[in-house]
PDB file of all heavy atoms in Angstrom:
ATOM      1  N   GLU A   1    -168.280 -96.061-121.903  1.00  0.00           N
ATOM      2  CA  GLU A   1    -167.417 -96.170-120.711  1.00  0.00           C
ATOM      3  C   GLU A   1    -167.771 -95.030-119.720  1.00  0.00           C
ATOM      4  O   GLU A   1    -167.863 -95.258-118.525  1.00  0.00           O
ATOM      5  CB  GLU A   1    -165.957 -96.045-121.146  1.00  0.00           C
ATOM      6  CG  GLU A   1    -164.950 -96.402-120.068  1.00  0.00           C
ATOM      7  CD  GLU A   1    -164.813 -97.873-119.853  1.00  0.00           C
ATOM      8  OE1 GLU A   1    -165.347 -98.667-120.634  1.00  0.00           O
ATOM      9  OE2 GLU A   1    -164.102 -98.263-118.863  1.00  0.00           O
ATOM     10  N   PHE A   2    -168.002 -93.817-120.199  1.00  0.00           N
ATOM     11  CA  PHE A   2    -168.398 -92.738-119.337  1.00  0.00           C
ATOM     12  C   PHE A   2    -169.783 -92.976-118.703  1.00  0.00           C
ATOM     13  O   PHE A   2    -170.019 -92.640-117.579  1.00  0.00           O
ATOM     14  CB  PHE A   2    -168.355 -91.395-120.072  1.00  0.00           C
ATOM     15  CG  PHE A   2    -167.061 -90.662-119.917  1.00  0.00           C
ATOM     16  CD1 PHE A   2    -166.256 -90.371-120.984  1.00  0.00           C
ATOM     17  CD2 PHE A   2    -166.644 -90.264-118.670  1.00  0.00           C
ATOM     18  CE1 PHE A   2    -165.106 -89.693-120.902  1.00  0.00           C
ATOM     19  CE2 PHE A   2    -165.475 -89.549-118.507  1.00  0.00           C
ATOM     20  CZ  PHE A   2    -164.674 -89.291-119.604  1.00  0.00           C
ATOM     21  N   ARG A   3    -170.664 -93.566-119.479  1.00  0.00           N
ATOM     22  CA  ARG A   3    -171.969 -93.902-118.928  1.00  0.00           C
ATOM     23  C   ARG A   3    -171.874 -94.898-117.777  1.00  0.00           C
ATOM     24  O   ARG A   3    -172.638 -94.846-116.829  1.00  0.00           O
ATOM     25  CB  ARG A   3    -172.877 -94.425-120.025  1.00  0.00           C
ATOM     26  CG  ARG A   3    -173.439 -93.358-120.995  1.00  0.00           C
ATOM     27  CD  ARG A   3    -174.257 -93.946-122.124  1.00  0.00           C
ATOM     28  NE  ARG A   3    -174.821 -92.921-122.981  1.00  0.00           N
ATOM     29  CZ  ARG A   3    -175.521 -93.181-124.088  1.00  0.00           C
ATOM     30  NH1 ARG A   3    -175.668 -94.479-124.498  1.00  0.00           N
ATOM     31  NH2 ARG A   3    -176.022 -92.218-124.850  1.00  0.00           N
ATOM     32  N   ASP A   4    -170.884 -95.806-117.906  1.00  0.00           N
ATOM     33  CA  ASP A   4    -170.639 -96.764-116.776  1.00  0.00           C
ATOM     34  C   ASP A   4    -170.209 -96.061-115.520  1.00  0.00           C
ATOM     35  O   ASP A   4    -170.372 -96.556-114.418  1.00  0.00           O
ATOM     36  CB  ASP A   4    -169.617 -97.787-117.225  1.00  0.00           C
ATOM     37  CG  ASP A   4    -170.160 -98.812-118.204  1.00  0.00           C
ATOM     38  OD1 ASP A   4    -171.400 -98.912-118.354  1.00  0.00           O
ATOM     39  OD2 ASP A   4    -169.329 -99.505-118.867  1.00  0.00           O
ATOM     40  N   TYR A   5    -169.582 -94.853-115.662  1.00  0.00           N
ATOM     41  CA  TYR A   5    -169.238 -94.070-114.504  1.00  0.00           C
ATOM     42  C   TYR A   5    -170.372 -93.221-114.025  1.00  0.00           C
ATOM     43  O   TYR A   5    -170.228 -92.423-113.091  1.00  0.00           O
ATOM     44  CB  TYR A   5    -168.084 -93.093-114.893  1.00  0.00           C
ATOM     45  CG  TYR A   5    -166.692 -93.732-114.856  1.00  0.00           C
ATOM     46  CD1 TYR A   5    -166.116 -94.195-115.994  1.00  0.00           C
ATOM     47  CD2 TYR A   5    -165.938 -93.820-113.653  1.00  0.00           C
ATOM     48  CE1 TYR A   5    -164.817 -94.757-116.003  1.00  0.00           C
ATOM     49  CE2 TYR A   5    -164.672 -94.361-113.641  1.00  0.00           C
ATOM     50  CZ  TYR A   5    -164.126 -94.807-114.803  1.00  0.00           C
ATOM     51  OH  TYR A   5    -162.855 -95.376-114.789  1.00  0.00           O
ATOM     52  N   ASN A   6    -171.574 -93.368-114.648  1.00  0.00           N
ATOM     53  CA  ASN A   6    -172.755 -92.548-114.330  1.00  0.00           C
ATOM     54  C   ASN A   6    -172.534 -91.100-114.642  1.00  0.00           C
ATOM     55  O   ASN A   6    -173.106 -90.213-113.970  1.00  0.00           O
ATOM     56  CB  ASN A   6    -173.155 -92.742-112.895  1.00  0.00           C
ATOM     57  CG  ASN A   6    -173.777 -94.146-112.609  1.00  0.00           C
ATOM     58  OD1 ASN A   6    -174.468 -94.661-113.455  1.00  0.00           O
ATOM     59  ND2 ASN A   6    -173.429 -94.710-111.459  1.00  0.00           N
ATOM     60  N   ALA A   7    -171.723 -90.824-115.628  1.00  0.00           N
ATOM     61  CA  ALA A   7    -171.557 -89.446-116.123  1.00  0.00           C
ATOM     62  C   ALA A   7    -172.651 -89.179-117.162  1.00  0.00           C
ATOM     63  O   ALA A   7    -173.203 -90.113-117.787  1.00  0.00           O
ATOM     64  CB  ALA A   7    -170.171 -89.245-116.729  1.00  0.00           C
ATOM     65  N   HIS A   8    -172.969 -87.907-117.369  1.00  0.00           N
ATOM     66  CA  HIS A   8    -173.930 -87.513-118.400  1.00  0.00           C
ATOM     67  C   HIS A   8    -173.152 -87.116-119.646  1.00  0.00           C
ATOM     68  O   HIS A   8    -172.366 -86.151-119.618  1.00  0.00           O
ATOM     69  CB  HIS A   8    -174.791 -86.298-117.913  1.00  0.00           C
ATOM     70  CG  HIS A   8    -175.516 -86.615-116.647  1.00  0.00           C
ATOM     71  ND1 HIS A   8    -176.632 -87.418-116.580  1.00  0.00           N
ATOM     72  CD2 HIS A   8    -175.293 -86.231-115.350  1.00  0.00           C
ATOM     73  CE1 HIS A   8    -177.063 -87.484-115.349  1.00  0.00           C
ATOM     74  NE2 HIS A   8    -176.268 -86.756-114.568  1.00  0.00           N
ATOM     75  N   VAL A   9    -173.361 -87.829-120.714  1.00  0.00           N
ATOM     76  CA  VAL A   9    -172.555 -87.637-121.936  1.00  0.00           C
ATOM     77  C   VAL A   9    -173.380 -87.017-123.037  1.00  0.00           C
ATOM     78  O   VAL A   9    -174.462 -87.546-123.379  1.00  0.00           O
ATOM     79  CB  VAL A   9    -171.962 -88.981-122.400  1.00  0.00           C
ATOM     80  CG1 VAL A   9    -171.003 -88.744-123.586  1.00  0.00           C
ATOM     81  CG2 VAL A   9    -171.243 -89.729-121.304  1.00  0.00           C
ATOM     82  N   ASP A  10    -172.890 -85.931-123.592  1.00  0.00           N
ATOM     83  CA  ASP A  10    -173.453 -85.307-124.790  1.00  0.00           C
ATOM     84  C   ASP A  10    -172.459 -85.592-125.955  1.00  0.00           C
ATOM     85  O   ASP A  10    -171.256 -85.540-125.766  1.00  0.00           O
ATOM     86  CB  ASP A  10    -173.641 -83.818-124.640  1.00  0.00           C
ATOM     87  CG  ASP A  10    -174.904 -83.471-123.854  1.00  0.00           C
ATOM     88  OD1 ASP A  10    -175.716 -84.383-123.573  1.00  0.00           O
ATOM     89  OD2 ASP A  10    -175.038 -82.296-123.496  1.00  0.00           O
ATOM     90  N   VAL A  11    -173.034 -85.862-127.108  1.00  0.00           N
ATOM     91  CA  VAL A  11    -172.236 -86.057-128.327  1.00  0.00           C
ATOM     92  C   VAL A  11    -172.639 -84.950-129.313  1.00  0.00           C
ATOM     93  O   VAL A  11    -173.837 -84.788-129.621  1.00  0.00           O
ATOM     94  CB  VAL A  11    -172.457 -87.445-128.923  1.00  0.00           C
ATOM     95  CG1 VAL A  11    -171.694 -87.556-130.256  1.00  0.00           C
ATOM     96  CG2 VAL A  11    -172.005 -88.516-127.947  1.00  0.00           C
ATOM     97  N   TYR A  12    -171.639 -84.272-129.840  1.00  0.00           N
ATOM     98  CA  TYR A  12    -171.888 -83.265-130.865  1.00  0.00           C
ATOM     99  C   TYR A  12    -171.126 -83.590-132.095  1.00  0.00           C
ATOM    100  O   TYR A  12    -169.898 -83.748-132.076  1.00  0.00           O
ATOM    101  CB  TYR A  12    -171.476 -81.870-130.343  1.00  0.00           C
ATOM    102  CG  TYR A  12    -171.594 -80.748-131.364  1.00  0.00           C
ATOM    103  CD1 TYR A  12    -172.836 -80.364-131.806  1.00  0.00           C
ATOM    104  CD2 TYR A  12    -170.481 -80.116-131.882  1.00  0.00           C
ATOM    105  CE1 TYR A  12    -172.986 -79.326-132.747  1.00  0.00           C
ATOM    106  CE2 TYR A  12    -170.582 -79.118-132.828  1.00  0.00           C
ATOM    107  CZ  TYR A  12    -171.849 -78.706-133.258  1.00  0.00           C
ATOM    108  OH  TYR A  12    -171.955 -77.732-134.233  1.00  0.00           O
ATOM    109  N   ASP A  13    -171.831 -83.695-133.241  1.00  0.00           N
ATOM    110  CA  ASP A  13    -171.192 -83.989-134.495  1.00  0.00           C
ATOM    111  C   ASP A  13    -172.045 -83.441-135.606  1.00  0.00           C
ATOM    112  O   ASP A  13    -173.157 -83.918-135.916  1.00  0.00           O
ATOM    113  CB  ASP A  13    -171.004 -85.519-134.668  1.00  0.00           C
ATOM    114  CG  ASP A  13    -170.126 -85.846-135.851  1.00  0.00           C
ATOM    115  OD1 ASP A  13    -170.167 -85.134-136.881  1.00  0.00           O
ATOM    116  OD2 ASP A  13    -169.327 -86.799-135.774  1.00  0.00           O
ATOM    117  N   PRO A  14    -171.573 -82.357-136.273  1.00  0.00           N
ATOM    118  CA  PRO A  14    -172.363 -81.741-137.322  1.00  0.00           C
ATOM    119  C   PRO A  14    -172.506 -82.563-138.584  1.00  0.00           C
ATOM    120  O   PRO A  14    -173.226 -82.198-139.499  1.00  0.00           O
ATOM    121  CB  PRO A  14    -171.557 -80.447-137.593  1.00  0.00           C
ATOM    122  CG  PRO A  14    -170.160 -80.748-137.191  1.00  0.00           C
ATOM    123  CD  PRO A  14    -170.283 -81.686-136.018  1.00  0.00           C
ATOM    124  N   TRP A  15    -171.784 -83.676-138.670  1.00  0.00           N
ATOM    125  CA  TRP A  15    -171.785 -84.483-139.899  1.00  0.00           C
ATOM    126  C   TRP A  15    -172.817 -85.622-139.832  1.00  0.00           C
ATOM    127  O   TRP A  15    -173.232 -86.140-140.906  1.00  0.00           O
ATOM    128  CB  TRP A  15    -170.429 -85.095-140.155  1.00  0.00           C
ATOM    129  CG  TRP A  15    -169.432 -84.145-140.681  1.00  0.00           C
ATOM    130  CD1 TRP A  15    -168.674 -83.251-139.947  1.00  0.00           C
ATOM    131  CD2 TRP A  15    -169.094 -83.898-142.078  1.00  0.00           C
ATOM    132  NE1 TRP A  15    -167.861 -82.511-140.790  1.00  0.00           N
ATOM    133  CE2 TRP A  15    -168.138 -82.887-142.107  1.00  0.00           C
ATOM    134  CE3 TRP A  15    -169.575 -84.449-143.260  1.00  0.00           C
ATOM    135  CZ2 TRP A  15    -167.588 -82.409-143.297  1.00  0.00           C
ATOM    136  CZ3 TRP A  15    -169.037 -83.954-144.482  1.00  0.00           C
ATOM    137  CH2 TRP A  15    -168.045 -82.952-144.461  1.00  0.00           C
ATOM    138  N   VAL A  16    -173.274 -86.022-138.694  1.00  0.00           N
ATOM    139  CA  VAL A  16    -174.074 -87.238-138.588  1.00  0.00           C
ATOM    140  C   VAL A  16    -175.563 -86.958-138.749  1.00  0.00           C
ATOM    141  O   VAL A  16    -176.047 -85.894-138.521  1.00  0.00           O
ATOM    142  CB  VAL A  16    -173.831 -87.965-137.218  1.00  0.00           C
ATOM    143  CG1 VAL A  16    -172.387 -88.224-137.012  1.00  0.00           C
ATOM    144  CG2 VAL A  16    -174.423 -87.190-136.077  1.00  0.00           C
ATOM    145  N   ASP A  17    -176.236 -88.012-139.210  1.00  0.00           N
ATOM    146  CA  ASP A  17    -177.712 -88.045-139.232  1.00  0.00           C
ATOM    147  C   ASP A  17    -178.206 -88.470-137.859  1.00  0.00           C
ATOM    148  O   ASP A  17    -177.949 -89.608-137.451  1.00  0.00           O
ATOM    149  CB  ASP A  17    -178.196 -89.003-140.314  1.00  0.00           C
ATOM    150  CG  ASP A  17    -179.706 -89.064-140.412  1.00  0.00           C
ATOM    151  OD1 ASP A  17    -180.384 -88.594-139.516  1.00  0.00           O
ATOM    152  OD2 ASP A  17    -180.179 -89.640-141.424  1.00  0.00           O
ATOM    153  N   PRO A  18    -178.883 -87.594-137.105  1.00  0.00           N
ATOM    154  CA  PRO A  18    -179.293 -87.997-135.750  1.00  0.00           C
ATOM    155  C   PRO A  18    -180.123 -89.279-135.692  1.00  0.00           C
ATOM    156  O   PRO A  18    -180.026 -90.063-134.774  1.00  0.00           O
ATOM    157  CB  PRO A  18    -180.093 -86.762-135.297  1.00  0.00           C
ATOM    158  CG  PRO A  18    -179.582 -85.611-136.108  1.00  0.00           C
ATOM    159  CD  PRO A  18    -179.255 -86.238-137.433  1.00  0.00           C
ATOM    160  N   ARG A  19    -180.938 -89.476-136.753  1.00  0.00           N
ATOM    161  CA  ARG A  19    -181.737 -90.692-136.764  1.00  0.00           C
ATOM    162  C   ARG A  19    -180.896 -91.943-136.833  1.00  0.00           C
ATOM    163  O   ARG A  19    -181.166 -92.956-136.165  1.00  0.00           O
ATOM    164  CB  ARG A  19    -182.696 -90.646-137.947  1.00  0.00           C
ATOM    165  CG  ARG A  19    -183.781 -89.563-137.864  1.00  0.00           C
ATOM    166  CD  ARG A  19    -184.503 -89.415-139.167  1.00  0.00           C
ATOM    167  NE  ARG A  19    -183.583 -89.032-140.278  1.00  0.00           N
ATOM    168  CZ  ARG A  19    -183.956 -88.837-141.536  1.00  0.00           C
ATOM    169  NH1 ARG A  19    -185.248 -89.010-141.888  1.00  0.00           N
ATOM    170  NH2 ARG A  19    -183.062 -88.457-142.474  1.00  0.00           N
ATOM    171  N   GLU A  20    -179.803 -91.879-137.611  1.00  0.00           N
ATOM    172  CA  GLU A  20    -178.946 -93.019-137.714  1.00  0.00           C
ATOM    173  C   GLU A  20    -178.188 -93.271-136.399  1.00  0.00           C
ATOM    174  O   GLU A  20    -177.994 -94.394-135.988  1.00  0.00           O
ATOM    175  CB  GLU A  20    -177.914 -92.815-138.865  1.00  0.00           C
ATOM    176  CG  GLU A  20    -177.043 -94.054-139.129  1.00  0.00           C
ATOM    177  CD  GLU A  20    -176.094 -93.861-140.251  1.00  0.00           C
ATOM    178  OE1 GLU A  20    -176.045 -92.747-140.873  1.00  0.00           O
ATOM    179  OE2 GLU A  20    -175.306 -94.783-140.544  1.00  0.00           O
ATOM    180  N   ALA A  21    -177.762 -92.180-135.754  1.00  0.00           N
ATOM    181  CA  ALA A  21    -177.073 -92.302-134.489  1.00  0.00           C
ATOM    182  C   ALA A  21    -177.982 -92.964-133.419  1.00  0.00           C
ATOM    183  O   ALA A  21    -177.554 -93.794-132.641  1.00  0.00           O
ATOM    184  CB  ALA A  21    -176.607 -90.933-133.999  1.00  0.00           C
ATOM    185  N   ARG A  22    -179.242 -92.550-133.415  1.00  0.00           N
ATOM    186  CA  ARG A  22    -180.202 -93.153-132.506  1.00  0.00           C
ATOM    187  C   ARG A  22    -180.433 -94.639-132.804  1.00  0.00           C
ATOM    188  O   ARG A  22    -180.429 -95.484-131.906  1.00  0.00           O
ATOM    189  CB  ARG A  22    -181.560 -92.412-132.576  1.00  0.00           C
ATOM    190  CG  ARG A  22    -181.583 -91.061-131.878  1.00  0.00           C
ATOM    191  CD  ARG A  22    -182.997 -90.574-131.730  1.00  0.00           C
ATOM    192  NE  ARG A  22    -183.678 -90.393-133.012  1.00  0.00           N
ATOM    193  CZ  ARG A  22    -183.642 -89.239-133.722  1.00  0.00           C
ATOM    194  NH1 ARG A  22    -183.027 -88.193-133.266  1.00  0.00           N
ATOM    195  NH2 ARG A  22    -184.280 -89.126-134.856  1.00  0.00           N
ATOM    196  N   HIS A  23    -180.589 -94.948-134.054  1.00  0.00           N
ATOM    197  CA  HIS A  23    -180.869 -96.297-134.467  1.00  0.00           C
ATOM    198  C   HIS A  23    -179.717 -97.261-134.253  1.00  0.00           C
ATOM    199  O   HIS A  23    -179.899 -98.367-133.718  1.00  0.00           O
ATOM    200  CB  HIS A  23    -181.258 -96.333-135.962  1.00  0.00           C
ATOM    201  CG  HIS A  23    -181.549 -97.720-136.497  1.00  0.00           C
ATOM    202  ND1 HIS A  23    -180.611 -98.504-137.119  1.00  0.00           N
ATOM    203  CD2 HIS A  23    -182.698 -98.482-136.440  1.00  0.00           C
ATOM    204  CE1 HIS A  23    -181.165 -99.658-137.431  1.00  0.00           C
ATOM    205  NE2 HIS A  23    -182.417 -99.635-137.056  1.00  0.00           N
ATOM    206  N   GLU A  24    -178.508 -96.811-134.573  1.00  0.00           N
ATOM    207  CA  GLU A  24    -177.305 -97.708-134.502  1.00  0.00           C
ATOM    208  C   GLU A  24    -176.767 -97.782-133.074  1.00  0.00           C
ATOM    209  O   GLU A  24    -176.265 -98.848-132.707  1.00  0.00           O
ATOM    210  CB  GLU A  24    -176.259 -97.203-135.475  1.00  0.00           C
ATOM    211  CG  GLU A  24    -176.663 -97.301-136.955  1.00  0.00           C
ATOM    212  CD  GLU A  24    -176.879 -98.722-137.425  1.00  0.00           C
ATOM    213  OE1 GLU A  24    -176.228 -99.648-136.824  1.00  0.00           O
ATOM    214  OE2 GLU A  24    -177.698 -98.942-138.309  1.00  0.00           O
ATOM    215  N   TYR A  25    -176.743 -96.685-132.360  1.00  0.00           N
ATOM    216  CA  TYR A  25    -176.007 -96.661-131.104  1.00  0.00           C
ATOM    217  C   TYR A  25    -176.779 -96.093-129.874  1.00  0.00           C
ATOM    218  O   TYR A  25    -176.192 -95.966-128.807  1.00  0.00           O
ATOM    219  CB  TYR A  25    -174.740 -95.810-131.267  1.00  0.00           C
ATOM    220  CG  TYR A  25    -173.837 -96.335-132.376  1.00  0.00           C
ATOM    221  CD1 TYR A  25    -173.670 -95.630-133.566  1.00  0.00           C
ATOM    222  CD2 TYR A  25    -173.148 -97.525-132.214  1.00  0.00           C
ATOM    223  CE1 TYR A  25    -172.841 -96.145-134.578  1.00  0.00           C
ATOM    224  CE2 TYR A  25    -172.296 -98.034-133.240  1.00  0.00           C
ATOM    225  CZ  TYR A  25    -172.197 -97.312-134.411  1.00  0.00           C
ATOM    226  OH  TYR A  25    -171.371 -97.796-135.414  1.00  0.00           O
ATOM    227  N   ASP A  26    -178.063 -95.839-130.079  1.00  0.00           N
ATOM    228  CA  ASP A  26    -178.846 -95.263-128.998  1.00  0.00           C
ATOM    229  C   ASP A  26    -178.254 -94.001-128.467  1.00  0.00           C
ATOM    230  O   ASP A  26    -178.175 -93.761-127.242  1.00  0.00           O
ATOM    231  CB  ASP A  26    -179.036 -96.287-127.898  1.00  0.00           C
ATOM    232  CG  ASP A  26    -180.098 -95.875-126.846  1.00  0.00           C
ATOM    233  OD1 ASP A  26    -181.021 -95.104-127.244  1.00  0.00           O
ATOM    234  OD2 ASP A  26    -179.987 -96.283-125.700  1.00  0.00           O
ATOM    235  N   ILE A  27    -177.730 -93.173-129.342  1.00  0.00           N
ATOM    236  CA  ILE A  27    -177.116 -91.890-129.006  1.00  0.00           C
ATOM    237  C   ILE A  27    -177.947 -90.778-129.654  1.00  0.00           C
ATOM    238  O   ILE A  27    -178.201 -90.816-130.851  1.00  0.00           O
ATOM    239  CB  ILE A  27    -175.643 -91.814-129.470  1.00  0.00           C
ATOM    240  CG1 ILE A  27    -174.792 -92.788-128.645  1.00  0.00           C
ATOM    241  CG2 ILE A  27    -175.090 -90.398-129.338  1.00  0.00           C
ATOM    242  CD1 ILE A  27    -173.363 -92.877-129.095  1.00  0.00           C
ATOM    243  N   GLU A  28    -178.254 -89.787-128.872  1.00  0.00           N
ATOM    244  CA  GLU A  28    -179.028 -88.653-129.320  1.00  0.00           C
ATOM    245  C   GLU A  28    -178.092 -87.470-129.425  1.00  0.00           C
ATOM    246  O   GLU A  28    -177.803 -86.774-128.407  1.00  0.00           O
ATOM    247  CB  GLU A  28    -180.191 -88.320-128.430  1.00  0.00           C
ATOM    248  CG  GLU A  28    -181.115 -87.209-128.923  1.00  0.00           C
ATOM    249  CD  GLU A  28    -182.013 -87.629-130.074  1.00  0.00           C
ATOM    250  OE1 GLU A  28    -182.626 -88.696-129.959  1.00  0.00           O
ATOM    251  OE2 GLU A  28    -182.072 -86.899-131.025  1.00  0.00           O
ATOM    252  N   PRO A  29    -177.518 -87.142-130.575  1.00  0.00           N
ATOM    253  CA  PRO A  29    -176.545 -86.058-130.639  1.00  0.00           C
ATOM    254  C   PRO A  29    -177.202 -84.741-130.325  1.00  0.00           C
ATOM    255  O   PRO A  29    -178.397 -84.496-130.637  1.00  0.00           O
ATOM    256  CB  PRO A  29    -176.068 -86.063-132.101  1.00  0.00           C
ATOM    257  CG  PRO A  29    -176.439 -87.419-132.633  1.00  0.00           C
ATOM    258  CD  PRO A  29    -177.685 -87.825-131.893  1.00  0.00           C
ATOM    259  N   VAL A  30    -176.485 -83.825-129.694  1.00  0.00           N
ATOM    260  CA  VAL A  30    -176.971 -82.473-129.400  1.00  0.00           C
ATOM    261  C   VAL A  30    -176.842 -81.604-130.646  1.00  0.00           C
ATOM    262  O   VAL A  30    -175.892 -81.769-131.431  1.00  0.00           O
ATOM    263  CB  VAL A  30    -176.287 -81.838-128.201  1.00  0.00           C
ATOM    264  CG1 VAL A  30    -176.544 -82.681-126.938  1.00  0.00           C
ATOM    265  CG2 VAL A  30    -174.789 -81.708-128.430  1.00  0.00           C
ATOM    266  N   ALA A  31    -177.773 -80.713-130.836  1.00  0.00           N
ATOM    267  CA  ALA A  31    -177.784 -79.852-132.000  1.00  0.00           C
ATOM    268  C   ALA A  31    -176.827 -78.673-131.858  1.00  0.00           C
ATOM    269  O   ALA A  31    -176.348 -78.146-132.903  1.00  0.00           O
ATOM    270  CB  ALA A  31    -179.194 -79.363-132.307  1.00  0.00           C
ATOM    271  N   GLU A  32    -176.578 -78.256-130.643  1.00  0.00           N
ATOM    272  CA  GLU A  32    -175.662 -77.110-130.398  1.00  0.00           C
ATOM    273  C   GLU A  32    -175.013 -77.256-129.046  1.00  0.00           C
ATOM    274  O   GLU A  32    -175.489 -78.025-128.184  1.00  0.00           O
ATOM    275  CB  GLU A  32    -176.406 -75.805-130.504  1.00  0.00           C
ATOM    276  CG  GLU A  32    -177.590 -75.683-129.571  1.00  0.00           C
ATOM    277  CD  GLU A  32    -178.360 -74.389-129.799  1.00  0.00           C
ATOM    278  OE1 GLU A  32    -178.262 -73.802-130.874  1.00  0.00           O
ATOM    279  OE2 GLU A  32    -179.074 -73.979-128.856  1.00  0.00           O
ATOM    280  N   LEU A  33    -173.930 -76.566-128.848  1.00  0.00           N
ATOM    281  CA  LEU A  33    -173.176 -76.646-127.608  1.00  0.00           C
ATOM    282  C   LEU A  33    -173.695 -75.615-126.586  1.00  0.00           C
ATOM    283  O   LEU A  33    -174.027 -74.493-126.957  1.00  0.00           O
ATOM    284  CB  LEU A  33    -171.696 -76.457-127.838  1.00  0.00           C
ATOM    285  CG  LEU A  33    -171.016 -77.460-128.774  1.00  0.00           C
ATOM    286  CD1 LEU A  33    -169.551 -77.105-128.956  1.00  0.00           C
ATOM    287  CD2 LEU A  33    -171.190 -78.868-128.264  1.00  0.00           C
ATOM    288  N   LYS A  34    -173.712 -76.048-125.341  1.00  0.00           N
ATOM    289  CA  LYS A  34    -174.098 -75.111-124.230  1.00  0.00           C
ATOM    290  C   LYS A  34    -172.859 -74.441-123.704  1.00  0.00           C
ATOM    291  O   LYS A  34    -171.948 -75.119-123.289  1.00  0.00           O
ATOM    292  CB  LYS A  34    -174.845 -75.926-123.158  1.00  0.00           C
ATOM    293  CG  LYS A  34    -176.048 -76.703-123.605  1.00  0.00           C
ATOM    294  CD  LYS A  34    -176.590 -77.557-122.475  1.00  0.00           C
ATOM    295  CE  LYS A  34    -177.757 -78.432-122.931  1.00  0.00           C
ATOM    296  NZ  LYS A  34    -178.213 -79.325-121.836  1.00  0.00           N
ATOM    297  N   PRO A  35    -172.831 -73.160-123.678  1.00  0.00           N
ATOM    298  CA  PRO A  35    -171.634 -72.466-123.165  1.00  0.00           C
ATOM    299  C   PRO A  35    -171.444 -72.689-121.651  1.00  0.00           C
ATOM    300  O   PRO A  35    -172.406 -72.648-120.896  1.00  0.00           O
ATOM    301  CB  PRO A  35    -171.890 -71.002-123.505  1.00  0.00           C
ATOM    302  CG  PRO A  35    -173.360 -70.880-123.640  1.00  0.00           C
ATOM    303  CD  PRO A  35    -173.844 -72.140-124.186  1.00  0.00           C
ATOM    304  N   GLY A  36    -170.188 -72.903-121.288  1.00  0.00           N
ATOM    305  CA  GLY A  36    -169.849 -73.056-119.881  1.00  0.00           C
ATOM    306  C   GLY A  36    -170.544 -74.181-119.093  1.00  0.00           C
ATOM    307  O   GLY A  36    -170.772 -74.117-117.923  1.00  0.00           O
ATOM    308  N   TYR A  37    -170.834 -75.293-119.818  1.00  0.00           N
ATOM    309  CA  TYR A  37    -171.671 -76.330-119.308  1.00  0.00           C
ATOM    310  C   TYR A  37    -170.930 -77.600-118.894  1.00  0.00           C
ATOM    311  O   TYR A  37    -171.304 -78.274-117.938  1.00  0.00           O
ATOM    312  CB  TYR A  37    -172.745 -76.654-120.309  1.00  0.00           C
ATOM    313  CG  TYR A  37    -173.758 -77.698-119.908  1.00  0.00           C
ATOM    314  CD1 TYR A  37    -174.795 -77.364-118.979  1.00  0.00           C
ATOM    315  CD2 TYR A  37    -173.733 -78.998-120.416  1.00  0.00           C
ATOM    316  CE1 TYR A  37    -175.709 -78.321-118.632  1.00  0.00           C
ATOM    317  CE2 TYR A  37    -174.634 -79.943-120.060  1.00  0.00           C
ATOM    318  CZ  TYR A  37    -175.646 -79.623-119.169  1.00  0.00           C
ATOM    319  OH  TYR A  37    -176.576 -80.596-118.781  1.00  0.00           O
ATOM    320  N   TYR A  38    -169.832 -77.944-119.539  1.00  0.00           N
ATOM    321  CA  TYR A  38    -169.248 -79.238-119.438  1.00  0.00           C
ATOM    322  C   TYR A  38    -168.031 -79.297-118.482  1.00  0.00           C
ATOM    323  O   TYR A  38    -167.278 -78.345-118.390  1.00  0.00           O
ATOM    324  CB  TYR A  38    -168.854 -79.754-120.796  1.00  0.00           C
ATOM    325  CG  TYR A  38    -170.015 -79.942-121.732  1.00  0.00           C
ATOM    326  CD1 TYR A  38    -170.339 -78.953-122.703  1.00  0.00           C
ATOM    327  CD2 TYR A  38    -170.878 -81.016-121.620  1.00  0.00           C
ATOM    328  CE1 TYR A  38    -171.393 -79.066-123.534  1.00  0.00           C
ATOM    329  CE2 TYR A  38    -171.990 -81.142-122.448  1.00  0.00           C
ATOM    330  CZ  TYR A  38    -172.230 -80.193-123.374  1.00  0.00           C
ATOM    331  OH  TYR A  38    -173.342 -80.318-124.218  1.00  0.00           O
ATOM    332  N   ASP A  39    -167.913 -80.474-117.814  1.00  0.00           N
ATOM    333  CA  ASP A  39    -166.784 -80.706-116.961  1.00  0.00           C
ATOM    334  C   ASP A  39    -165.548 -81.270-117.686  1.00  0.00           C
ATOM    335  O   ASP A  39    -164.411 -81.118-117.242  1.00  0.00           O
ATOM    336  CB  ASP A  39    -167.156 -81.670-115.825  1.00  0.00           C
ATOM    337  CG  ASP A  39    -168.276 -81.122-114.944  1.00  0.00           C
ATOM    338  OD1 ASP A  39    -168.000 -80.166-114.208  1.00  0.00           O
ATOM    339  OD2 ASP A  39    -169.409 -81.665-114.994  1.00  0.00           O
ATOM    340  N   ALA A  40    -165.814 -81.934-118.769  1.00  0.00           N
ATOM    341  CA  ALA A  40    -164.742 -82.517-119.574  1.00  0.00           C
ATOM    342  C   ALA A  40    -165.168 -82.570-121.028  1.00  0.00           C
ATOM    343  O   ALA A  40    -166.379 -82.797-121.349  1.00  0.00           O
ATOM    344  CB  ALA A  40    -164.406 -83.940-119.119  1.00  0.00           C
ATOM    345  N   MET A  41    -164.221 -82.350-121.942  1.00  0.00           N
ATOM    346  CA  MET A  41    -164.508 -82.312-123.331  1.00  0.00           C
ATOM    347  C   MET A  41    -163.427 -83.152-124.045  1.00  0.00           C
ATOM    348  O   MET A  41    -162.272 -83.016-123.810  1.00  0.00           O
ATOM    349  CB  MET A  41    -164.501 -80.886-123.900  1.00  0.00           C
ATOM    350  CG  MET A  41    -165.575 -80.016-123.275  1.00  0.00           C
ATOM    351  SD  MET A  41    -165.261 -78.244-123.443  1.00  0.00           S
ATOM    352  CE  MET A  41    -163.826 -78.078-122.381  1.00  0.00           C
ATOM    353  N   ILE A  42    -163.914 -84.066-124.912  1.00  0.00           N
ATOM    354  CA  ILE A  42    -162.999 -84.976-125.624  1.00  0.00           C
ATOM    355  C   ILE A  42    -163.112 -84.731-127.093  1.00  0.00           C
ATOM    356  O   ILE A  42    -164.198 -84.893-127.688  1.00  0.00           O
ATOM    357  CB  ILE A  42    -163.306 -86.450-125.292  1.00  0.00           C
ATOM    358  CG1 ILE A  42    -163.164 -86.665-123.773  1.00  0.00           C
ATOM    359  CG2 ILE A  42    -162.375 -87.332-126.058  1.00  0.00           C
ATOM    360  CD1 ILE A  42    -163.725 -87.972-123.334  1.00  0.00           C
ATOM    361  N   LEU A  43    -162.011 -84.326-127.744  1.00  0.00           N
ATOM    362  CA  LEU A  43    -161.992 -84.117-129.165  1.00  0.00           C
ATOM    363  C   LEU A  43    -161.701 -85.482-129.808  1.00  0.00           C
ATOM    364  O   LEU A  43    -160.553 -85.910-129.861  1.00  0.00           O
ATOM    365  CB  LEU A  43    -160.933 -83.093-129.527  1.00  0.00           C
ATOM    366  CG  LEU A  43    -161.254 -82.020-130.492  1.00  0.00           C
ATOM    367  CD1 LEU A  43    -160.179 -80.967-130.541  1.00  0.00           C
ATOM    368  CD2 LEU A  43    -161.546 -82.593-131.867  1.00  0.00           C
TER     369      LEU A  43
END
């Protein structure tokens, strides 16, 4: 939904296998968070 708004979306999840996320959902999880970088954060 956010991609439809042309927003840039990062996903962070320490539990997931990045390869599975890429394969199943075309999502590349970030390995670490960038300080002071995001406009919105959703828990």
